């Protein structure tokens, strides 16, 4: 197993230290049960404390609550306050991302995904964002069917349009079925929706940057500067200036 560790705060411009650990291969569930037995008999102390377990439950509950309330997970501010702070700084929120694991699913899962999307549309309204980036699915529930993916993305785009929101579709390099720009482009074209754009990116280069390519379709003028179809984007806390 490879272990990467940062000295102090995680640096942006410096690589992390990499080491290789020898790991004994075993059934993780069997090891977990054996450890649980040892804790019960008093032979070992728990590897995970009760406080850590409680923190995990709180984080999990926060994610679940956010899907119902439309609130932000990683910010203590309400969406309206985030929008006001951006406007005060002369900034706009152009894109909400990512919206994951939507397309090529069963009718029952599609309805659940649409309910999830409606909560996100409301959150975007509160943030003042009008474009949502839908990533190609990595879910095991997704099937390998481009026609179904296009049909369901079309349905999502139609609902989004009722909220004044546009849909962008990105092929993740690690997508379950759609993981190349060629395939995502065919699905977008098959969707028969106007005002879309096509977006793909490379993997991280040297753990610092990656390249994005944006192609606008049918006069789309949304996310990204029209005169900058190819832009270099930083990761995490780096600031990107657009011309």
C-alpha atoms as a PDB file:
ATOM      1  CA  UNK A   1       0.000   0.000   0.000  1.00  0.00           C
ATOM      2  CA  UNK A   2       1.273   3.455  -0.930  1.00  0.00           C
ATOM      3  CA  UNK A   3       1.025   6.125   1.754  1.00  0.00           C
ATOM      4  CA  UNK A   4       1.273   9.832   0.901  1.00  0.00           C
ATOM      5  CA  UNK A   5       1.824  12.249   3.787  1.00  0.00           C
ATOM      6  CA  UNK A   6       2.230  16.042   3.818  1.00  0.00           C
ATOM      7  CA  UNK A   7       4.642  17.671   6.243  1.00  0.00           C
ATOM      8  CA  UNK A   8       2.494  20.104   8.200  1.00  0.00           C
ATOM      9  CA  UNK A   9      -0.349  21.714   6.273  1.00  0.00           C
ATOM     10  CA  UNK A  10      -0.978  20.073   2.887  1.00  0.00           C
ATOM     11  CA  UNK A  11       1.148  22.110   0.440  1.00  0.00           C
ATOM     12  CA  UNK A  12      -0.038  23.138  -2.985  1.00  0.00           C
ATOM     13  CA  UNK A  13       3.276  23.475  -4.760  1.00  0.00           C
ATOM     14  CA  UNK A  14       5.280  20.726  -3.035  1.00  0.00           C
ATOM     15  CA  UNK A  15       4.753  16.975  -3.528  1.00  0.00           C
ATOM     16  CA  UNK A  16       3.812  14.840  -0.554  1.00  0.00           C
ATOM     17  CA  UNK A  17       6.149  12.220   0.878  1.00  0.00           C
ATOM     18  CA  UNK A  18       5.416   8.765  -0.525  1.00  0.00           C
ATOM     19  CA  UNK A  19       6.207   5.504   1.205  1.00  0.00           C
ATOM     20  CA  UNK A  20       5.209   1.884   0.723  1.00  0.00           C
ATOM     21  CA  UNK A  21       3.734  -0.121   3.584  1.00  0.00           C
ATOM     22  CA  UNK A  22       3.606  -3.872   3.820  1.00  0.00           C
ATOM     23  CA  UNK A  23      -0.003  -4.842   4.445  1.00  0.00           C
ATOM     24  CA  UNK A  24      -1.112  -8.310   5.451  1.00  0.00           C
ATOM     25  CA  UNK A  25      -3.897  -9.321   3.101  1.00  0.00           C
ATOM     26  CA  UNK A  26      -6.975 -10.678   4.834  1.00  0.00           C
ATOM     27  CA  UNK A  27     -10.745 -10.478   4.708  1.00  0.00           C
ATOM     28  CA  UNK A  28     -11.499  -7.009   6.175  1.00  0.00           C
ATOM     29  CA  UNK A  29     -14.873  -8.073   7.582  1.00  0.00           C
ATOM     30  CA  UNK A  30     -13.316 -11.070   9.339  1.00  0.00           C
ATOM     31  CA  UNK A  31     -10.621  -8.829  10.838  1.00  0.00           C
ATOM     32  CA  UNK A  32     -13.239  -6.317  11.958  1.00  0.00           C
ATOM     33  CA  UNK A  33     -15.271  -9.038  13.693  1.00  0.00           C
ATOM     34  CA  UNK A  34     -12.142 -10.455  15.331  1.00  0.00           C
ATOM     35  CA  UNK A  35     -11.226  -7.009  16.647  1.00  0.00           C
ATOM     36  CA  UNK A  36     -14.782  -6.478  17.892  1.00  0.00           C
ATOM     37  CA  UNK A  37     -14.579  -9.763  19.799  1.00  0.00           C
ATOM     38  CA  UNK A  38     -11.253  -8.735  21.331  1.00  0.00           C
ATOM     39  CA  UNK A  39     -12.718  -5.403  22.439  1.00  0.00           C
ATOM     40  CA  UNK A  40     -15.691  -7.140  24.062  1.00  0.00           C
ATOM     41  CA  UNK A  41     -13.409  -9.512  25.980  1.00  0.00           C
ATOM     42  CA  UNK A  42     -11.150  -6.654  27.050  1.00  0.00           C
ATOM     43  CA  UNK A  43      -8.113  -7.935  25.151  1.00  0.00           C
ATOM     44  CA  UNK A  44      -7.837  -4.833  22.937  1.00  0.00           C
ATOM     45  CA  UNK A  45      -8.855  -1.195  22.956  1.00  0.00           C
ATOM     46  CA  UNK A  46     -11.146  -0.082  20.101  1.00  0.00           C
ATOM     47  CA  UNK A  47      -9.338   1.290  17.065  1.00  0.00           C
ATOM     48  CA  UNK A  48     -12.179   3.770  16.568  1.00  0.00           C
ATOM     49  CA  UNK A  49     -13.426   5.627  19.618  1.00  0.00           C
ATOM     50  CA  UNK A  50     -17.032   6.401  20.391  1.00  0.00           C
ATOM     51  CA  UNK A  51     -16.378  10.101  19.764  1.00  0.00           C
ATOM     52  CA  UNK A  52     -15.017   9.323  16.304  1.00  0.00           C
ATOM     53  CA  UNK A  53     -18.038   7.172  15.573  1.00  0.00           C
ATOM     54  CA  UNK A  54     -20.334   9.985  16.682  1.00  0.00           C
ATOM     55  CA  UNK A  55     -18.488  12.454  14.437  1.00  0.00           C
ATOM     56  CA  UNK A  56     -18.958  10.089  11.492  1.00  0.00           C
ATOM     57  CA  UNK A  57     -22.680   9.785  12.201  1.00  0.00           C
ATOM     58  CA  UNK A  58     -23.016  13.571  12.409  1.00  0.00           C
ATOM     59  CA  UNK A  59     -21.236  14.022   9.067  1.00  0.00           C
ATOM     60  CA  UNK A  60     -23.388  11.333   7.452  1.00  0.00           C
ATOM     61  CA  UNK A  61     -26.544  12.921   8.839  1.00  0.00           C
ATOM     62  CA  UNK A  62     -25.442  16.334   7.569  1.00  0.00           C
ATOM     63  CA  UNK A  63     -25.139  14.929   4.057  1.00  0.00           C
ATOM     64  CA  UNK A  64     -28.582  13.322   4.320  1.00  0.00           C
ATOM     65  CA  UNK A  65     -30.126  16.535   5.677  1.00  0.00           C
ATOM     66  CA  UNK A  66     -28.530  18.602   2.904  1.00  0.00           C
ATOM     67  CA  UNK A  67     -30.287  16.510   0.244  1.00  0.00           C
ATOM     68  CA  UNK A  68     -33.626  17.394   1.864  1.00  0.00           C
ATOM     69  CA  UNK A  69     -33.117  20.993   2.921  1.00  0.00           C
ATOM     70  CA  UNK A  70     -30.872  22.328   0.164  1.00  0.00           C
ATOM     71  CA  UNK A  71     -28.389  23.709   2.681  1.00  0.00           C
ATOM     72  CA  UNK A  72     -24.638  23.623   2.193  1.00  0.00           C
ATOM     73  CA  UNK A  73     -22.607  20.896   3.869  1.00  0.00           C
ATOM     74  CA  UNK A  74     -19.159  22.463   4.166  1.00  0.00           C
ATOM     75  CA  UNK A  75     -20.195  26.025   5.033  1.00  0.00           C
ATOM     76  CA  UNK A  76     -21.882  27.322   8.178  1.00  0.00           C
ATOM     77  CA  UNK A  77     -23.392  30.120   6.082  1.00  0.00           C
ATOM     78  CA  UNK A  78     -26.791  29.868   4.472  1.00  0.00           C
ATOM     79  CA  UNK A  79     -26.733  29.858   0.647  1.00  0.00           C
ATOM     80  CA  UNK A  80     -28.097  33.412   0.585  1.00  0.00           C
ATOM     81  CA  UNK A  81     -25.221  34.630   2.746  1.00  0.00           C
ATOM     82  CA  UNK A  82     -22.697  32.919   0.459  1.00  0.00           C
ATOM     83  CA  UNK A  83     -24.272  34.676  -2.515  1.00  0.00           C
ATOM     84  CA  UNK A  84     -24.244  38.042  -0.755  1.00  0.00           C
ATOM     85  CA  UNK A  85     -20.582  37.640   0.194  1.00  0.00           C
ATOM     86  CA  UNK A  86     -19.663  36.809  -3.392  1.00  0.00           C
ATOM     87  CA  UNK A  87     -21.589  39.816  -4.697  1.00  0.00           C
ATOM     88  CA  UNK A  88     -19.864  42.063  -2.151  1.00  0.00           C
ATOM     89  CA  UNK A  89     -16.511  40.850  -3.518  1.00  0.00           C
ATOM     90  CA  UNK A  90     -17.618  41.399  -7.105  1.00  0.00           C
ATOM     91  CA  UNK A  91     -17.903  37.668  -7.796  1.00  0.00           C
ATOM     92  CA  UNK A  92     -20.645  35.547  -9.299  1.00  0.00           C
ATOM     93  CA  UNK A  93     -21.378  31.847  -8.850  1.00  0.00           C
ATOM     94  CA  UNK A  94     -21.482  30.611 -12.435  1.00  0.00           C
ATOM     95  CA  UNK A  95     -21.467  26.859 -11.944  1.00  0.00           C
ATOM     96  CA  UNK A  96     -22.683  24.345  -9.379  1.00  0.00           C
ATOM     97  CA  UNK A  97     -20.692  21.111  -9.389  1.00  0.00           C
ATOM     98  CA  UNK A  98     -20.767  18.243  -9.254  1.00  0.00           C
ATOM     99  CA  UNK A  99     -24.116  16.528  -9.574  1.00  0.00           C
ATOM    100  CA  UNK A 100     -23.255  12.843  -9.551  1.00  0.00           C
ATOM    101  CA  UNK A 101     -24.644   9.444 -10.506  1.00  0.00           C
ATOM    102  CA  UNK A 102     -27.764  10.525 -12.352  1.00  0.00           C
ATOM    103  CA  UNK A 103     -28.157   8.837 -15.731  1.00  0.00           C
ATOM    104  CA  UNK A 104     -28.759   5.358 -17.185  1.00  0.00           C
ATOM    105  CA  UNK A 105     -30.652   3.941 -14.216  1.00  0.00           C
ATOM    106  CA  UNK A 106     -33.939   2.182 -13.536  1.00  0.00           C
ATOM    107  CA  UNK A 107     -37.210   4.173 -13.493  1.00  0.00           C
ATOM    108  CA  UNK A 108     -37.369   3.906  -9.700  1.00  0.00           C
ATOM    109  CA  UNK A 109     -33.818   5.183  -9.268  1.00  0.00           C
ATOM    110  CA  UNK A 110     -34.445   7.913 -11.850  1.00  0.00           C
ATOM    111  CA  UNK A 111     -37.325   9.281  -9.793  1.00  0.00           C
ATOM    112  CA  UNK A 112     -35.115   9.352  -6.703  1.00  0.00           C
ATOM    113  CA  UNK A 113     -32.404  11.110  -8.694  1.00  0.00           C
ATOM    114  CA  UNK A 114     -34.878  13.679 -10.007  1.00  0.00           C
ATOM    115  CA  UNK A 115     -36.031  14.431  -6.462  1.00  0.00           C
ATOM    116  CA  UNK A 116     -32.392  14.942  -5.539  1.00  0.00           C
ATOM    117  CA  UNK A 117     -31.946  17.234  -8.543  1.00  0.00           C
ATOM    118  CA  UNK A 118     -34.941  19.365  -7.541  1.00  0.00           C
ATOM    119  CA  UNK A 119     -33.353  20.004  -4.140  1.00  0.00           C
ATOM    120  CA  UNK A 120     -30.155  21.066  -5.939  1.00  0.00           C
ATOM    121  CA  UNK A 121     -32.096  23.361  -8.272  1.00  0.00           C
ATOM    122  CA  UNK A 122     -33.554  25.128  -5.254  1.00  0.00           C
ATOM    123  CA  UNK A 123     -30.113  25.412  -3.696  1.00  0.00           C
ATOM    124  CA  UNK A 124     -28.766  26.869  -6.952  1.00  0.00           C
ATOM    125  CA  UNK A 125     -31.577  29.428  -6.988  1.00  0.00           C
ATOM    126  CA  UNK A 126     -30.548  30.534  -3.518  1.00  0.00           C
ATOM    127  CA  UNK A 127     -26.898  30.726  -4.610  1.00  0.00           C
ATOM    128  CA  UNK A 128     -27.671  32.536  -7.853  1.00  0.00           C
ATOM    129  CA  UNK A 129     -26.091  29.826 -10.035  1.00  0.00           C
ATOM    130  CA  UNK A 130     -27.670  28.926 -13.368  1.00  0.00           C
ATOM    131  CA  UNK A 131     -25.541  26.024 -14.657  1.00  0.00           C
ATOM    132  CA  UNK A 132     -25.045  22.607 -13.090  1.00  0.00           C
ATOM    133  CA  UNK A 133     -22.272  20.198 -14.085  1.00  0.00           C
ATOM    134  CA  UNK A 134     -23.506  16.602 -14.278  1.00  0.00           C
ATOM    135  CA  UNK A 135     -20.664  14.070 -14.093  1.00  0.00           C
ATOM    136  CA  UNK A 136     -20.914  10.728 -15.834  1.00  0.00           C
ATOM    137  CA  UNK A 137     -22.078   8.105 -13.392  1.00  0.00           C
ATOM    138  CA  UNK A 138     -19.762   5.912 -11.354  1.00  0.00           C
ATOM    139  CA  UNK A 139     -22.671   4.172  -9.654  1.00  0.00           C
ATOM    140  CA  UNK A 140     -23.022   0.382  -9.876  1.00  0.00           C
ATOM    141  CA  UNK A 141     -26.718   1.054 -10.559  1.00  0.00           C
ATOM    142  CA  UNK A 142     -25.896   2.620 -13.949  1.00  0.00           C
ATOM    143  CA  UNK A 143     -26.278   0.457 -17.053  1.00  0.00           C
ATOM    144  CA  UNK A 144     -24.301   0.588 -20.296  1.00  0.00           C
ATOM    145  CA  UNK A 145     -26.985   2.210 -22.463  1.00  0.00           C
ATOM    146  CA  UNK A 146     -26.265   5.510 -24.234  1.00  0.00           C
ATOM    147  CA  UNK A 147     -29.846   5.881 -25.479  1.00  0.00           C
ATOM    148  CA  UNK A 148     -31.170   5.577 -21.922  1.00  0.00           C
ATOM    149  CA  UNK A 149     -28.534   7.989 -20.621  1.00  0.00           C
ATOM    150  CA  UNK A 150     -29.455  10.562 -23.280  1.00  0.00           C
ATOM    151  CA  UNK A 151     -33.173  10.166 -22.602  1.00  0.00           C
ATOM    152  CA  UNK A 152     -32.767  10.644 -18.852  1.00  0.00           C
ATOM    153  CA  UNK A 153     -30.376  13.582 -19.248  1.00  0.00           C
ATOM    154  CA  UNK A 154     -32.948  15.118 -21.619  1.00  0.00           C
ATOM    155  CA  UNK A 155     -35.553  14.757 -18.870  1.00  0.00           C
ATOM    156  CA  UNK A 156     -33.204  16.352 -16.358  1.00  0.00           C
ATOM    157  CA  UNK A 157     -32.483  19.235 -18.749  1.00  0.00           C
ATOM    158  CA  UNK A 158     -36.204  19.791 -19.283  1.00  0.00           C
ATOM    159  CA  UNK A 159     -36.857  20.042 -15.536  1.00  0.00           C
ATOM    160  CA  UNK A 160     -33.823  22.266 -15.107  1.00  0.00           C
ATOM    161  CA  UNK A 161     -35.083  24.612 -17.834  1.00  0.00           C
ATOM    162  CA  UNK A 162     -38.260  25.176 -15.814  1.00  0.00           C
ATOM    163  CA  UNK A 163     -36.008  26.607 -13.098  1.00  0.00           C
ATOM    164  CA  UNK A 164     -33.956  28.697 -15.535  1.00  0.00           C
ATOM    165  CA  UNK A 165     -31.017  26.292 -15.168  1.00  0.00           C
ATOM    166  CA  UNK A 166     -28.769  24.798 -17.858  1.00  0.00           C
ATOM    167  CA  UNK A 167     -27.178  21.353 -17.789  1.00  0.00           C
ATOM    168  CA  UNK A 168     -23.578  20.526 -18.689  1.00  0.00           C
ATOM    169  CA  UNK A 169     -22.370  16.934 -18.975  1.00  0.00           C
ATOM    170  CA  UNK A 170     -18.807  15.815 -18.211  1.00  0.00           C
ATOM    171  CA  UNK A 171     -17.183  12.442 -18.869  1.00  0.00           C
ATOM    172  CA  UNK A 172     -15.226  11.464 -15.791  1.00  0.00           C
ATOM    173  CA  UNK A 173     -12.045   9.553 -16.580  1.00  0.00           C
ATOM    174  CA  UNK A 174     -13.171   7.035 -13.948  1.00  0.00           C
ATOM    175  CA  UNK A 175     -16.811   6.903 -15.075  1.00  0.00           C
ATOM    176  CA  UNK A 176     -18.436   3.477 -14.925  1.00  0.00           C
ATOM    177  CA  UNK A 177     -19.477   3.419 -18.587  1.00  0.00           C
ATOM    178  CA  UNK A 178     -19.009   6.931 -19.972  1.00  0.00           C
ATOM    179  CA  UNK A 179     -15.335   7.793 -19.494  1.00  0.00           C
ATOM    180  CA  UNK A 180     -14.218   9.352 -22.782  1.00  0.00           C
ATOM    181  CA  UNK A 181     -15.037  12.683 -24.366  1.00  0.00           C
ATOM    182  CA  UNK A 182     -16.164  10.965 -27.570  1.00  0.00           C
ATOM    183  CA  UNK A 183     -18.854   9.004 -25.793  1.00  0.00           C
ATOM    184  CA  UNK A 184     -20.098  11.902 -23.688  1.00  0.00           C
ATOM    185  CA  UNK A 185     -20.271  14.024 -26.839  1.00  0.00           C
ATOM    186  CA  UNK A 186     -22.442  11.451 -28.610  1.00  0.00           C
ATOM    187  CA  UNK A 187     -24.802  11.338 -25.630  1.00  0.00           C
ATOM    188  CA  UNK A 188     -25.018  15.135 -25.492  1.00  0.00           C
ATOM    189  CA  UNK A 189     -25.710  15.319 -29.244  1.00  0.00           C
ATOM    190  CA  UNK A 190     -28.344  12.609 -28.931  1.00  0.00           C
ATOM    191  CA  UNK A 191     -30.013  14.584 -26.140  1.00  0.00           C
ATOM    192  CA  UNK A 192     -31.377  17.096 -28.699  1.00  0.00           C
ATOM    193  CA  UNK A 193     -31.129  20.027 -26.304  1.00  0.00           C
ATOM    194  CA  UNK A 194     -29.966  23.508 -27.236  1.00  0.00           C
ATOM    195  CA  UNK A 195     -27.673  25.739 -25.266  1.00  0.00           C
ATOM    196  CA  UNK A 196     -25.356  23.022 -23.961  1.00  0.00           C
ATOM    197  CA  UNK A 197     -21.604  22.775 -23.783  1.00  0.00           C
ATOM    198  CA  UNK A 198     -19.213  19.864 -23.872  1.00  0.00           C
ATOM    199  CA  UNK A 199     -16.561  19.643 -21.159  1.00  0.00           C
ATOM    200  CA  UNK A 200     -13.673  17.240 -20.565  1.00  0.00           C
ATOM    201  CA  UNK A 201     -10.432  17.380 -18.596  1.00  0.00           C
ATOM    202  CA  UNK A 202      -7.182  15.502 -18.147  1.00  0.00           C
ATOM    203  CA  UNK A 203      -6.026  13.778 -15.008  1.00  0.00           C
ATOM    204  CA  UNK A 204      -3.928  15.826 -12.596  1.00  0.00           C
ATOM    205  CA  UNK A 205      -0.511  16.680 -13.989  1.00  0.00           C
ATOM    206  CA  UNK A 206       2.255  16.561 -11.408  1.00  0.00           C
ATOM    207  CA  UNK A 207      -0.396  16.822  -8.640  1.00  0.00           C
ATOM    208  CA  UNK A 208      -0.741  20.520  -9.432  1.00  0.00           C
ATOM    209  CA  UNK A 209      -2.930  21.304 -12.442  1.00  0.00           C
ATOM    210  CA  UNK A 210      -5.133  19.736 -15.041  1.00  0.00           C
ATOM    211  CA  UNK A 211      -6.367  20.916 -18.441  1.00  0.00           C
ATOM    212  CA  UNK A 212      -9.987  21.459 -19.337  1.00  0.00           C
ATOM    213  CA  UNK A 213     -11.502  21.712 -22.812  1.00  0.00           C
ATOM    214  CA  UNK A 214     -14.883  23.397 -23.188  1.00  0.00           C
ATOM    215  CA  UNK A 215     -16.848  23.386 -26.446  1.00  0.00           C
ATOM    216  CA  UNK A 216     -20.016  25.450 -26.667  1.00  0.00           C
ATOM    217  CA  UNK A 217     -23.002  24.168 -28.624  1.00  0.00           C
ATOM    218  CA  UNK A 218     -25.845  26.153 -30.247  1.00  0.00           C
ATOM    219  CA  UNK A 219     -24.734  29.517 -28.975  1.00  0.00           C
ATOM    220  CA  UNK A 220     -24.132  28.587 -25.366  1.00  0.00           C
ATOM    221  CA  UNK A 221     -22.563  31.544 -23.500  1.00  0.00           C
ATOM    222  CA  UNK A 222     -22.495  30.299 -19.943  1.00  0.00           C
ATOM    223  CA  UNK A 223     -19.696  28.855 -17.827  1.00  0.00           C
ATOM    224  CA  UNK A 224     -16.208  29.940 -18.857  1.00  0.00           C
ATOM    225  CA  UNK A 225     -15.159  32.904 -20.957  1.00  0.00           C
ATOM    226  CA  UNK A 226     -16.179  32.678 -24.606  1.00  0.00           C
ATOM    227  CA  UNK A 227     -12.637  33.576 -25.692  1.00  0.00           C
ATOM    228  CA  UNK A 228     -11.044  30.930 -23.462  1.00  0.00           C
ATOM    229  CA  UNK A 229     -12.281  27.479 -24.562  1.00  0.00           C
ATOM    230  CA  UNK A 230      -9.132  25.919 -23.141  1.00  0.00           C
ATOM    231  CA  UNK A 231      -8.081  27.028 -19.675  1.00  0.00           C
ATOM    232  CA  UNK A 232      -5.719  25.724 -17.044  1.00  0.00           C
ATOM    233  CA  UNK A 233      -7.467  25.191 -13.725  1.00  0.00           C
ATOM    234  CA  UNK A 234      -5.881  24.879 -10.338  1.00  0.00           C
ATOM    235  CA  UNK A 235      -6.991  22.390  -7.686  1.00  0.00           C
ATOM    236  CA  UNK A 236      -8.524  23.043  -4.269  1.00  0.00           C
ATOM    237  CA  UNK A 237      -7.653  26.476  -2.842  1.00  0.00           C
ATOM    238  CA  UNK A 238      -5.848  27.969  -5.845  1.00  0.00           C
ATOM    239  CA  UNK A 239      -7.496  30.993  -7.433  1.00  0.00           C
ATOM    240  CA  UNK A 240      -8.168  31.085 -11.160  1.00  0.00           C
ATOM    241  CA  UNK A 241      -8.364  34.407 -13.006  1.00  0.00           C
ATOM    242  CA  UNK A 242     -10.283  34.522 -16.230  1.00  0.00           C
ATOM    243  CA  UNK A 243      -9.668  37.030 -18.980  1.00  0.00           C
END
